[in-house]
């Protein structure tokens, strides 16, 4: 069994989060309570915790001419899965804050990336590498 990543993050509304992560992103729902919901995000456990005052983007940093929201989270996908997922999100009407694109083109660490917000204002980044050896390349 591979190691799994776990992330707990704040949301403003659990039902909105259930619809977004389950309905829009297609994450299978796990256990839940009146204060949190577990989701399977590409095989990793993320947990939406009701904490309205803590949700959302707090800062932005410039990365390759984009204003990247902080904090953010997401998954590194194989390139073909990234393209399929990006098309699925476009079909579902996701409003991107950074449209799907190639970052660091022709450089070490070249990657595809896209950013969007969940209903609580939390930023998600999904990225892909044509060559996974570039994920931690300097």
N, C-alpha and C. Protein backbone atom coordinates (compact mmCIF):
# COMPACT_ATOMS: atom_id res chain seq x y z
N UNK A 1 0.85 -1.19 0.00
CA UNK A 1 0.00 0.00 0.00
C UNK A 1 0.88 1.24 0.00
N UNK A 2 0.54 2.20 -0.83
CA UNK A 2 1.26 3.47 -0.87
C UNK A 2 0.88 4.33 0.33
N UNK A 3 1.75 5.25 0.66
CA UNK A 3 1.40 6.23 1.69
C UNK A 3 0.31 7.14 1.15
N UNK A 4 -0.60 7.53 2.03
CA UNK A 4 -1.68 8.42 1.65
C UNK A 4 -1.49 9.77 2.32
N UNK A 5 -1.87 10.81 1.61
CA UNK A 5 -1.82 12.15 2.16
C UNK A 5 -3.14 12.45 2.85
N UNK A 6 -3.10 13.16 3.97
CA UNK A 6 -4.29 13.58 4.71
C UNK A 6 -4.23 15.09 4.88
N UNK A 7 -5.33 15.76 4.58
CA UNK A 7 -5.41 17.20 4.76
C UNK A 7 -6.77 17.56 5.33
N UNK A 8 -6.78 18.28 6.44
CA UNK A 8 -8.01 18.84 7.01
C UNK A 8 -8.00 20.33 6.69
N UNK A 9 -9.13 20.85 6.22
CA UNK A 9 -9.17 22.26 5.81
C UNK A 9 -10.52 22.86 6.21
N UNK A 10 -10.56 24.18 6.41
CA UNK A 10 -11.78 24.83 6.87
C UNK A 10 -12.75 25.14 5.73
N UNK A 11 -14.03 25.00 6.01
CA UNK A 11 -15.07 25.38 5.05
C UNK A 11 -16.16 26.18 5.76
N UNK A 12 -16.91 26.94 4.96
CA UNK A 12 -17.98 27.77 5.50
C UNK A 12 -19.30 27.03 5.67
N UNK A 13 -19.53 26.02 4.80
CA UNK A 13 -20.80 25.31 4.77
C UNK A 13 -20.57 23.87 4.33
N UNK A 14 -21.00 22.92 5.13
CA UNK A 14 -20.75 21.51 4.80
C UNK A 14 -21.56 21.02 3.60
N UNK A 15 -22.80 21.45 3.46
CA UNK A 15 -23.61 20.99 2.32
C UNK A 15 -23.06 21.52 1.01
N UNK A 16 -22.62 22.78 0.99
CA UNK A 16 -21.97 23.35 -0.20
C UNK A 16 -20.72 22.54 -0.54
N UNK A 17 -19.96 22.21 0.49
CA UNK A 17 -18.72 21.44 0.30
C UNK A 17 -19.03 20.04 -0.21
N UNK A 18 -20.07 19.42 0.32
CA UNK A 18 -20.49 18.09 -0.13
C UNK A 18 -20.83 18.12 -1.62
N UNK A 19 -21.57 19.12 -2.04
CA UNK A 19 -21.95 19.24 -3.45
C UNK A 19 -20.73 19.49 -4.32
N UNK A 20 -19.83 20.37 -3.88
CA UNK A 20 -18.66 20.70 -4.69
C UNK A 20 -17.68 19.53 -4.78
N UNK A 21 -17.23 19.04 -3.63
CA UNK A 21 -16.22 17.97 -3.65
C UNK A 21 -16.81 16.65 -4.15
N UNK A 22 -18.03 16.35 -3.77
CA UNK A 22 -18.66 15.13 -4.23
C UNK A 22 -19.23 15.26 -5.63
N UNK A 23 -20.07 16.27 -5.83
CA UNK A 23 -20.77 16.42 -7.10
C UNK A 23 -19.94 16.95 -8.24
N UNK A 24 -19.17 18.00 -7.99
CA UNK A 24 -18.39 18.64 -9.06
C UNK A 24 -17.06 17.93 -9.28
N UNK A 25 -16.29 17.72 -8.21
CA UNK A 25 -14.98 17.10 -8.37
C UNK A 25 -15.05 15.58 -8.44
N UNK A 26 -16.17 14.99 -8.03
CA UNK A 26 -16.33 13.55 -8.12
C UNK A 26 -15.64 12.77 -7.01
N UNK A 27 -15.41 13.41 -5.87
CA UNK A 27 -14.77 12.74 -4.75
C UNK A 27 -15.78 11.87 -4.01
N UNK A 28 -15.41 10.62 -3.79
CA UNK A 28 -16.27 9.74 -2.99
C UNK A 28 -16.27 10.24 -1.55
N UNK A 29 -17.46 10.25 -0.95
CA UNK A 29 -17.59 10.69 0.44
C UNK A 29 -17.36 9.51 1.37
N UNK A 30 -16.63 9.78 2.45
CA UNK A 30 -16.41 8.79 3.49
C UNK A 30 -17.28 9.10 4.69
N UNK A 31 -16.67 8.98 5.86
CA UNK A 31 -17.41 9.27 7.10
C UNK A 31 -17.69 10.76 7.20
N UNK A 32 -18.67 11.11 8.03
CA UNK A 32 -18.98 12.52 8.25
C UNK A 32 -19.69 12.69 9.58
N UNK A 33 -19.78 13.94 10.00
CA UNK A 33 -20.54 14.30 11.19
C UNK A 33 -21.18 15.65 10.90
N UNK A 34 -21.71 16.28 11.92
CA UNK A 34 -22.28 17.61 11.72
C UNK A 34 -21.20 18.68 11.71
N UNK A 35 -19.91 18.29 11.82
CA UNK A 35 -18.81 19.25 11.84
C UNK A 35 -17.75 19.00 10.77
N UNK A 36 -17.80 17.84 10.08
CA UNK A 36 -16.79 17.51 9.09
C UNK A 36 -17.26 16.44 8.12
N UNK A 37 -16.57 16.37 6.97
CA UNK A 37 -16.85 15.34 5.95
C UNK A 37 -15.51 14.88 5.37
N UNK A 38 -15.31 13.55 5.34
CA UNK A 38 -14.15 12.95 4.67
C UNK A 38 -14.45 12.79 3.18
N UNK A 39 -13.44 13.06 2.34
CA UNK A 39 -13.56 12.83 0.90
C UNK A 39 -12.31 12.11 0.40
N UNK A 40 -12.50 11.32 -0.66
CA UNK A 40 -11.41 10.65 -1.34
C UNK A 40 -11.05 11.50 -2.56
N UNK A 41 -9.92 12.21 -2.49
CA UNK A 41 -9.45 13.05 -3.58
C UNK A 41 -8.30 12.33 -4.27
N UNK A 42 -8.61 11.62 -5.36
CA UNK A 42 -7.62 10.86 -6.12
C UNK A 42 -6.84 9.92 -5.21
N UNK A 43 -7.54 9.27 -4.28
CA UNK A 43 -6.92 8.29 -3.42
C UNK A 43 -6.35 8.84 -2.12
N UNK A 44 -6.50 10.13 -1.89
CA UNK A 44 -5.99 10.76 -0.67
C UNK A 44 -7.16 11.27 0.17
N UNK A 45 -6.96 11.31 1.47
CA UNK A 45 -8.03 11.71 2.38
C UNK A 45 -7.97 13.21 2.66
N UNK A 46 -9.03 13.90 2.25
CA UNK A 46 -9.18 15.30 2.62
C UNK A 46 -10.42 15.41 3.48
N UNK A 47 -10.40 16.32 4.44
CA UNK A 47 -11.50 16.44 5.38
C UNK A 47 -11.93 17.91 5.46
N UNK A 48 -13.15 18.17 5.04
CA UNK A 48 -13.73 19.51 5.13
C UNK A 48 -14.28 19.69 6.54
N UNK A 49 -13.69 20.61 7.28
CA UNK A 49 -14.12 20.90 8.66
C UNK A 49 -14.86 22.23 8.69
N UNK A 50 -16.00 22.24 9.34
CA UNK A 50 -16.78 23.46 9.48
C UNK A 50 -16.01 24.45 10.36
N UNK A 51 -15.52 25.53 9.75
CA UNK A 51 -14.76 26.58 10.44
C UNK A 51 -14.85 27.83 9.58
N UNK A 52 -16.04 28.42 9.49
CA UNK A 52 -16.29 29.51 8.53
C UNK A 52 -15.32 30.69 8.62
N UNK A 53 -14.87 31.00 9.80
CA UNK A 53 -14.00 32.16 9.97
C UNK A 53 -12.57 31.93 9.47
N UNK A 54 -12.23 30.69 9.17
CA UNK A 54 -10.86 30.37 8.76
C UNK A 54 -10.71 29.99 7.29
N UNK A 55 -11.80 29.89 6.56
CA UNK A 55 -11.75 29.44 5.17
C UNK A 55 -11.28 30.56 4.24
N UNK A 56 -10.71 30.16 3.13
CA UNK A 56 -10.39 31.10 2.06
C UNK A 56 -8.93 31.45 1.92
N UNK A 57 -8.64 32.13 0.82
CA UNK A 57 -7.29 32.57 0.49
C UNK A 57 -6.89 33.72 1.40
N UNK A 58 -5.66 33.68 1.88
CA UNK A 58 -5.17 34.71 2.79
C UNK A 58 -4.10 35.59 2.16
N UNK A 59 -3.49 35.13 1.06
CA UNK A 59 -2.35 35.84 0.49
C UNK A 59 -2.16 35.36 -0.96
N UNK A 60 -1.35 36.08 -1.72
CA UNK A 60 -0.97 35.65 -3.07
C UNK A 60 0.51 35.92 -3.27
N UNK A 61 1.19 34.99 -3.95
CA UNK A 61 2.60 35.13 -4.31
C UNK A 61 2.74 35.02 -5.81
N UNK A 62 3.69 35.75 -6.38
CA UNK A 62 3.92 35.67 -7.82
C UNK A 62 4.77 34.44 -8.13
N UNK A 63 4.27 33.63 -9.08
CA UNK A 63 4.99 32.46 -9.56
C UNK A 63 4.86 32.45 -11.08
N UNK A 64 5.95 32.59 -11.78
CA UNK A 64 5.96 32.56 -13.25
C UNK A 64 4.87 33.48 -13.82
N UNK A 65 4.79 34.70 -13.30
CA UNK A 65 3.88 35.76 -13.75
C UNK A 65 2.42 35.56 -13.34
N UNK A 66 2.14 34.55 -12.52
CA UNK A 66 0.78 34.36 -12.00
C UNK A 66 0.74 34.76 -10.53
N UNK A 67 -0.42 35.20 -10.07
CA UNK A 67 -0.63 35.50 -8.66
C UNK A 67 -1.25 34.26 -8.02
N UNK A 68 -0.40 33.46 -7.39
CA UNK A 68 -0.79 32.17 -6.84
C UNK A 68 -1.38 32.35 -5.44
N UNK A 69 -2.60 31.86 -5.23
CA UNK A 69 -3.24 32.00 -3.92
C UNK A 69 -2.60 31.12 -2.85
N UNK A 70 -2.53 31.67 -1.65
CA UNK A 70 -1.96 30.96 -0.49
C UNK A 70 -2.95 31.09 0.65
N UNK A 71 -3.29 29.98 1.29
CA UNK A 71 -2.85 28.61 1.02
C UNK A 71 -3.60 28.02 -0.17
N UNK A 72 -3.10 26.88 -0.64
CA UNK A 72 -3.80 26.09 -1.65
C UNK A 72 -3.36 24.63 -1.51
N UNK A 73 -4.14 23.74 -2.10
CA UNK A 73 -3.79 22.32 -2.09
C UNK A 73 -4.34 21.67 -3.33
N UNK A 74 -3.87 20.48 -3.63
CA UNK A 74 -4.34 19.75 -4.80
C UNK A 74 -3.52 18.50 -5.00
N UNK A 75 -3.54 18.00 -6.22
CA UNK A 75 -2.91 16.73 -6.55
C UNK A 75 -2.04 16.92 -7.79
N UNK A 76 -0.91 16.21 -7.84
CA UNK A 76 -0.08 16.13 -9.03
C UNK A 76 -0.54 14.89 -9.80
N UNK A 77 -0.99 15.11 -11.02
CA UNK A 77 -1.56 14.04 -11.85
C UNK A 77 -0.65 13.72 -13.04
N UNK A 78 -0.80 12.54 -13.61
CA UNK A 78 -0.18 12.30 -14.92
C UNK A 78 -0.80 13.26 -15.93
N UNK A 79 -0.04 13.63 -16.95
CA UNK A 79 -0.48 14.66 -17.90
C UNK A 79 -1.82 14.32 -18.56
N UNK A 80 -2.03 13.07 -18.96
CA UNK A 80 -3.29 12.72 -19.62
C UNK A 80 -4.47 12.87 -18.67
N UNK A 81 -4.30 12.49 -17.40
CA UNK A 81 -5.37 12.67 -16.42
C UNK A 81 -5.65 14.15 -16.16
N UNK A 82 -4.58 14.96 -16.13
CA UNK A 82 -4.74 16.39 -15.94
C UNK A 82 -5.62 16.98 -17.05
N UNK A 83 -5.31 16.64 -18.29
CA UNK A 83 -6.07 17.17 -19.42
C UNK A 83 -7.53 16.74 -19.36
N UNK A 84 -7.78 15.49 -19.04
CA UNK A 84 -9.15 14.99 -18.92
C UNK A 84 -9.89 15.69 -17.78
N UNK A 85 -9.22 15.84 -16.64
CA UNK A 85 -9.82 16.50 -15.48
C UNK A 85 -10.10 17.97 -15.78
N UNK A 86 -9.19 18.66 -16.44
CA UNK A 86 -9.39 20.06 -16.81
C UNK A 86 -10.62 20.21 -17.70
N UNK A 87 -10.78 19.32 -18.66
CA UNK A 87 -11.95 19.37 -19.55
C UNK A 87 -13.24 19.11 -18.77
N UNK A 88 -13.20 18.16 -17.84
CA UNK A 88 -14.37 17.87 -17.00
C UNK A 88 -14.76 19.11 -16.20
N UNK A 89 -13.76 19.79 -15.63
CA UNK A 89 -14.05 21.00 -14.85
C UNK A 89 -14.63 22.11 -15.73
N UNK A 90 -14.07 22.28 -16.93
CA UNK A 90 -14.61 23.28 -17.86
C UNK A 90 -16.06 22.96 -18.20
N UNK A 91 -16.35 21.68 -18.45
CA UNK A 91 -17.72 21.26 -18.78
C UNK A 91 -18.69 21.52 -17.63
N UNK A 92 -18.17 21.48 -16.40
CA UNK A 92 -19.00 21.72 -15.22
C UNK A 92 -19.08 23.19 -14.85
N UNK A 93 -18.44 24.05 -15.66
CA UNK A 93 -18.55 25.49 -15.45
C UNK A 93 -17.66 26.06 -14.37
N UNK A 94 -16.60 25.36 -14.02
CA UNK A 94 -15.67 25.88 -13.01
C UNK A 94 -15.06 27.18 -13.52
N UNK A 95 -15.01 28.18 -12.65
CA UNK A 95 -14.36 29.45 -12.96
C UNK A 95 -12.93 29.37 -12.45
N UNK A 96 -11.99 29.35 -13.35
CA UNK A 96 -10.58 29.24 -12.98
C UNK A 96 -10.03 30.59 -12.57
N UNK A 97 -9.19 30.60 -11.52
CA UNK A 97 -8.47 31.83 -11.21
C UNK A 97 -7.13 31.84 -11.93
N UNK A 98 -6.62 30.67 -12.28
CA UNK A 98 -5.52 30.50 -13.23
C UNK A 98 -5.94 29.37 -14.16
N UNK A 99 -6.20 29.74 -15.40
CA UNK A 99 -6.66 28.78 -16.40
C UNK A 99 -5.63 27.66 -16.59
N UNK A 100 -6.08 26.47 -17.00
CA UNK A 100 -5.12 25.39 -17.29
C UNK A 100 -4.08 25.88 -18.30
N UNK A 101 -2.80 25.67 -17.94
CA UNK A 101 -1.71 26.18 -18.77
C UNK A 101 -0.43 25.43 -18.44
N UNK A 102 0.61 25.68 -19.25
CA UNK A 102 1.95 25.16 -18.98
C UNK A 102 2.75 26.26 -18.31
N UNK A 103 3.34 25.92 -17.17
CA UNK A 103 4.18 26.85 -16.41
C UNK A 103 5.63 26.39 -16.56
N UNK A 104 6.55 27.36 -16.57
CA UNK A 104 7.99 27.10 -16.70
C UNK A 104 8.30 26.35 -18.00
N UNK A 105 7.61 26.75 -19.07
CA UNK A 105 7.78 26.08 -20.37
C UNK A 105 9.24 26.07 -20.79
N UNK A 106 9.72 24.87 -21.16
CA UNK A 106 11.08 24.70 -21.62
C UNK A 106 12.14 24.78 -20.53
N UNK A 107 11.72 24.90 -19.27
CA UNK A 107 12.66 25.01 -18.15
C UNK A 107 12.58 23.76 -17.28
N UNK A 108 13.53 23.66 -16.35
CA UNK A 108 13.47 22.60 -15.35
C UNK A 108 12.16 22.78 -14.58
N UNK A 109 11.45 21.70 -14.35
CA UNK A 109 10.19 21.77 -13.61
C UNK A 109 8.99 22.15 -14.45
N UNK A 110 9.11 22.09 -15.78
CA UNK A 110 7.95 22.40 -16.64
C UNK A 110 6.76 21.58 -16.18
N UNK A 111 5.61 22.23 -16.08
CA UNK A 111 4.42 21.56 -15.55
C UNK A 111 3.15 22.20 -16.09
N UNK A 112 2.09 21.43 -16.11
CA UNK A 112 0.77 21.98 -16.36
C UNK A 112 0.17 22.34 -15.01
N UNK A 113 -0.62 23.39 -14.96
CA UNK A 113 -1.22 23.81 -13.71
C UNK A 113 -2.57 24.47 -13.97
N UNK A 114 -3.41 24.46 -12.96
CA UNK A 114 -4.69 25.19 -12.97
C UNK A 114 -5.10 25.43 -11.53
N UNK A 115 -5.74 26.57 -11.29
CA UNK A 115 -6.22 26.93 -9.97
C UNK A 115 -7.68 27.34 -10.04
N UNK A 116 -8.43 26.97 -9.02
CA UNK A 116 -9.81 27.41 -8.87
C UNK A 116 -10.16 27.38 -7.39
N UNK A 117 -11.29 27.98 -7.04
CA UNK A 117 -11.72 28.07 -5.65
C UNK A 117 -12.90 27.14 -5.39
N UNK A 118 -12.96 26.61 -4.17
CA UNK A 118 -14.17 25.89 -3.75
C UNK A 118 -15.18 26.93 -3.26
N UNK A 119 -16.40 26.55 -2.91
CA UNK A 119 -17.42 27.52 -2.49
C UNK A 119 -17.05 28.31 -1.22
N UNK A 120 -16.09 27.81 -0.44
CA UNK A 120 -15.65 28.51 0.77
C UNK A 120 -14.49 29.45 0.49
N UNK A 121 -14.04 29.51 -0.76
CA UNK A 121 -12.93 30.38 -1.12
C UNK A 121 -11.57 29.73 -0.94
N UNK A 122 -11.53 28.42 -0.68
CA UNK A 122 -10.26 27.71 -0.58
C UNK A 122 -9.73 27.45 -1.99
N UNK A 123 -8.44 27.71 -2.18
CA UNK A 123 -7.83 27.53 -3.49
C UNK A 123 -7.33 26.10 -3.66
N UNK A 124 -7.59 25.55 -4.85
CA UNK A 124 -7.10 24.23 -5.22
C UNK A 124 -6.23 24.38 -6.45
N UNK A 125 -5.10 23.67 -6.44
CA UNK A 125 -4.23 23.61 -7.61
C UNK A 125 -4.08 22.15 -8.01
N UNK A 126 -4.31 21.89 -9.27
CA UNK A 126 -4.01 20.58 -9.83
C UNK A 126 -2.92 20.81 -10.86
N UNK A 127 -1.93 19.93 -10.84
CA UNK A 127 -0.81 20.09 -11.76
C UNK A 127 -0.42 18.75 -12.33
N UNK A 128 0.42 18.79 -13.36
CA UNK A 128 0.89 17.57 -14.01
C UNK A 128 2.27 17.82 -14.58
N UNK A 129 3.01 16.74 -14.69
CA UNK A 129 4.34 16.76 -15.29
C UNK A 129 4.37 15.70 -16.39
N UNK A 130 4.92 16.07 -17.54
CA UNK A 130 5.13 15.07 -18.60
C UNK A 130 6.20 14.09 -18.13
N UNK A 131 7.12 14.58 -17.29
CA UNK A 131 8.21 13.78 -16.76
C UNK A 131 8.20 13.92 -15.24
N UNK A 132 7.73 12.88 -14.54
CA UNK A 132 7.59 12.96 -13.08
C UNK A 132 8.94 13.16 -12.37
N UNK A 133 10.05 12.92 -13.05
CA UNK A 133 11.34 13.16 -12.40
C UNK A 133 11.57 14.66 -12.21
N UNK A 134 10.76 15.49 -12.82
CA UNK A 134 10.89 16.94 -12.71
C UNK A 134 10.15 17.51 -11.49
N UNK A 135 9.37 16.71 -10.79
CA UNK A 135 8.57 17.22 -9.68
C UNK A 135 9.44 17.94 -8.65
N UNK A 136 10.59 17.38 -8.30
CA UNK A 136 11.48 17.99 -7.32
C UNK A 136 12.79 18.48 -7.91
N UNK A 137 12.83 18.59 -9.24
CA UNK A 137 14.07 19.02 -9.89
C UNK A 137 14.40 20.46 -9.53
N UNK A 138 15.71 20.74 -9.43
CA UNK A 138 16.17 22.11 -9.11
C UNK A 138 16.64 22.81 -10.36
